[in-house]
Protein backbone atom coordinates (compact mmCIF):
# COMPACT_ATOMS: atom_id res chain seq x y z
CA MET A 1 31.38 116.00 -38.01
CA LYS A 2 29.65 119.42 -38.20
CA LYS A 3 28.56 119.09 -41.77
CA PHE A 4 27.26 115.47 -40.94
CA VAL A 5 24.97 116.83 -38.16
CA LEU A 6 24.31 120.03 -39.90
CA GLY A 7 22.73 117.84 -42.83
CA SER A 8 20.88 115.46 -40.44
CA VAL A 9 19.40 118.50 -38.40
CA LEU A 10 18.46 120.40 -42.17
CA ALA A 11 16.99 117.03 -43.05
CA LEU A 12 15.25 116.58 -39.80
CA SER A 13 13.92 120.11 -40.09
CA GLY A 14 12.77 119.97 -43.68
CA SER A 15 10.98 116.92 -42.95
CA LEU A 16 9.26 118.22 -40.03
CA ALA A 17 8.26 121.46 -42.16
CA MET A 18 7.04 119.12 -44.84
CA VAL A 19 5.20 116.92 -42.72
CA GLY A 20 3.64 120.05 -41.10
CA CYS A 21 2.78 121.48 -44.39
CA THR A 22 1.37 118.20 -45.75
CA GLN A 23 -0.72 117.48 -42.73
CA ALA A 24 -2.10 120.99 -42.56
CA SER A 25 -2.85 120.60 -46.62
CA ALA A 26 -4.36 117.04 -46.22
CA VAL A 27 -6.44 118.15 -43.05
CA SER A 28 -8.17 120.95 -45.01
CA GLU A 29 -8.31 119.02 -48.30
CA SER A 30 -10.16 116.43 -46.69
CA GLN A 31 -12.70 118.88 -44.95
CA ALA A 32 -13.27 120.32 -48.16
CA ASN A 33 -13.65 117.22 -50.30
CA PRO A 34 -15.79 114.24 -48.70
CA ALA A 35 -14.31 112.20 -51.78
CA THR A 36 -10.85 112.74 -50.06
CA GLN A 37 -12.15 111.28 -46.94
CA MET A 38 -13.19 108.26 -48.83
CA GLN A 39 -9.88 107.72 -50.42
CA HIS A 40 -8.10 107.95 -47.21
CA LYS A 41 -10.36 105.52 -45.73
CA GLN A 42 -9.65 103.28 -48.63
CA GLY A 43 -6.10 103.62 -48.51
CA GLY A 44 -5.77 106.25 -50.72
CA HIS A 45 -2.99 107.94 -52.57
CA GLY A 46 -1.25 104.67 -53.99
CA GLN A 47 2.25 106.51 -54.35
CA TYR A 48 2.55 106.55 -50.57
CA LYS A 49 0.74 103.03 -49.89
CA GLY A 50 3.40 101.26 -47.76
CA HIS A 51 5.56 104.07 -47.10
CA LYS A 52 7.28 103.69 -43.64
CA GLY A 53 10.00 106.19 -43.74
CA GLY A 54 8.18 109.34 -42.15
CA HIS A 55 10.68 111.13 -39.73
CA GLU A 56 12.59 108.37 -39.54
CA MET A 57 14.19 108.54 -43.05
CA GLY A 58 16.94 111.24 -43.76
CA ARG A 59 20.06 111.01 -45.88
CA MET A 60 21.21 107.79 -44.31
CA GLY A 61 18.25 105.78 -45.08
CA LYS A 62 17.26 104.41 -41.44
CA LYS A 63 17.04 106.37 -38.42
CA GLY A 64 20.54 106.28 -37.03
CA ALA A 65 21.89 104.06 -39.80
CA GLY A 66 25.04 106.02 -40.14
CA PHE A 67 25.91 105.84 -36.67
CA GLU A 68 26.48 101.98 -36.95
CA LYS A 69 29.75 102.12 -38.52
CA LEU A 70 31.01 104.72 -35.69
CA ASN A 71 30.37 101.86 -32.98
CA LEU A 72 28.89 104.39 -30.57
CA THR A 73 28.79 102.79 -26.63
CA GLU A 74 25.44 102.70 -25.15
CA GLN A 75 26.44 105.73 -23.04
CA GLN A 76 27.08 107.53 -26.52
CA LYS A 77 23.65 106.66 -27.76
CA ALA A 78 21.76 107.52 -24.77
CA GLN A 79 23.64 110.98 -24.80
CA MET A 80 22.71 111.36 -28.60
CA GLN A 81 19.49 110.52 -28.04
CA ALA A 82 18.87 113.02 -25.30
CA LEU A 83 20.24 115.67 -27.61
CA ARG A 84 18.13 114.94 -30.32
CA LYS A 85 15.10 114.76 -28.33
CA ALA A 86 16.03 118.32 -26.33
CA GLN A 87 16.21 119.59 -29.91
CA MET A 88 12.90 118.21 -31.19
CA GLU A 89 11.26 119.18 -27.81
CA LYS A 90 12.79 122.76 -28.25
CA ARG A 91 11.38 122.78 -31.67
CA GLN A 92 8.01 121.62 -30.81
CA GLY A 93 7.51 124.44 -28.00
CA GLU A 94 8.42 126.97 -30.60
CA ARG A 95 6.41 125.55 -33.46
CA ALA A 96 3.21 128.01 -33.30
CA GLN A 97 5.46 131.12 -33.14
CA ARG A 98 7.47 129.91 -35.89
CA GLN A 99 3.99 129.03 -37.98
CA ALA A 100 2.78 132.81 -36.80
CA GLN A 101 5.71 134.08 -37.97
CA MET A 102 5.92 132.03 -41.31
CA GLN A 103 2.18 133.08 -42.36
CA GLN A 104 3.02 136.93 -41.33
CA THR A 105 6.23 136.92 -43.70
CA ARG A 106 4.13 135.10 -46.61
CA ALA A 107 1.25 137.81 -46.16
CA GLN A 108 3.78 140.71 -46.29
CA THR A 109 5.62 139.15 -49.02
CA GLU A 110 2.46 138.83 -50.84
CA ALA A 111 1.83 142.35 -50.11
CA LEU A 112 4.93 143.69 -51.43
CA ILE A 113 4.54 141.56 -54.76
CA ASN A 114 1.12 142.73 -55.48
CA SER A 115 1.51 146.37 -54.38
CA PRO A 116 1.70 148.66 -57.76
CA THR A 117 5.05 150.25 -56.48
CA ILE A 118 7.61 148.77 -54.20
CA ASN A 119 8.04 149.51 -50.56
CA ALA A 120 11.85 149.40 -49.85
CA THR A 121 11.71 150.12 -46.38
CA ALA A 122 9.12 147.27 -45.84
CA LEU A 123 10.91 145.03 -47.87
CA ASN A 124 14.54 145.72 -46.21
CA THR A 125 12.50 145.10 -42.97
CA LEU A 126 11.30 141.98 -44.33
CA ALA A 127 14.88 140.93 -45.83
CA ASP A 128 16.46 141.71 -42.08
CA ARG A 129 14.02 139.74 -40.31
CA GLN A 130 14.41 136.76 -42.72
CA ALA A 131 18.45 136.96 -42.34
CA ALA A 132 17.91 137.32 -38.54
CA ILE A 133 15.65 133.96 -38.74
CA ALA A 134 18.73 132.20 -40.63
CA LYS A 135 21.01 133.18 -38.64
CA GLN A 136 19.35 132.41 -35.48
CA GLN A 137 18.97 128.73 -37.37
CA PHE A 138 22.49 128.49 -37.95
CA VAL A 139 23.68 129.41 -34.66
CA GLU A 140 21.34 126.72 -33.23
CA ARG A 141 22.57 124.03 -36.07
CA ILE A 142 26.21 124.72 -35.16
CA GLN A 143 25.61 124.44 -31.49
CA ALA A 144 23.87 121.24 -31.91
CA GLN A 145 26.62 119.87 -34.16
CA HIS A 146 29.19 120.99 -31.32
CA ALA A 147 27.40 119.16 -28.73
CA MET A 148 27.03 116.03 -30.88
CA ALA A 149 31.06 116.25 -31.94
CA GLN A 150 32.02 116.15 -27.89
CA ILE A 151 30.60 113.00 -27.39
CA LEU A 152 32.43 111.32 -30.05
CA THR A 153 36.16 109.86 -29.67
CA PRO A 154 39.01 110.80 -32.01
CA GLU A 155 38.78 107.85 -33.72
CA GLN A 156 34.97 107.75 -34.06
CA LYS A 157 35.49 111.49 -35.21
CA ALA A 158 38.25 110.29 -37.97
CA THR A 159 35.59 107.63 -39.36
CA LEU A 160 32.72 110.22 -39.57
CA LYS A 161 35.10 112.51 -41.30
CA GLN A 162 35.85 109.65 -43.84
CA MET A 163 32.04 108.96 -44.11
CA ARG A 164 31.31 112.44 -44.89
CA GLU A 165 34.09 112.75 -47.56
CA GLU A 166 32.63 109.44 -49.29
CA ARG A 167 29.10 111.47 -49.08
CA GLN A 168 30.20 114.31 -50.44
CA ALA A 169 32.21 112.19 -53.26
CA LYS A 170 28.88 110.56 -53.96
CA PHE A 171 26.72 113.92 -54.32
CA LYS A 172 29.09 115.28 -56.66
CA ASN A 173 28.94 112.52 -58.94
CA LYS A 174 25.18 112.74 -58.72
CA ALA A 175 25.41 116.24 -59.82
CA LYS A 176 27.40 115.24 -62.60
CA GLY A 177 24.86 112.96 -63.35
CA GLU A 178 27.50 109.64 -63.08
CA HIS A 179 25.13 107.72 -60.87
CA LYS A 180 22.88 104.61 -61.83
CA GLY A 181 25.36 103.50 -64.25
CA GLN A 182 25.47 107.08 -66.15
CA THR A 183 28.54 108.88 -67.16
CA ALA A 184 29.25 112.61 -67.50
CA GLN A 185 29.26 113.76 -70.99
């Protein structure tokens, strides 16, 4: 359950980060390039045309598709949705602060890379800050996974464990090149 929710949280976090970066990039690009504005109006970027995944796509395909096998009750669904909504609102509330931290970290990293000599103190301070951020994110993910696990019955937890094991086996096969009809060499 923990790995499943961790994966879901990571996928959602990654999706949110990518969408934010993509939107910021698209806005700055379209402001700088009038041809891009015209392309967007005409439907542009063919590779994304008709893509409806957005935030609702993740490891399990459609939003919540993995939970269908768990046969959640309406009450459980409502509880899960409330947890996800609270987490999303918390992340949105912290978005500006995270973006400012990321921008500051990028600037400091760039300064370290481009300096004629490496400032070990600044490097260690930056590394410690990054480690603290990673630790906090890990703690929040585990807390969220725990909260979601408390909603499930023992039978649902067993089903989820089986689903997770199947997904891990599938991932291992992909890593070995044994997907889409290929076999490992």
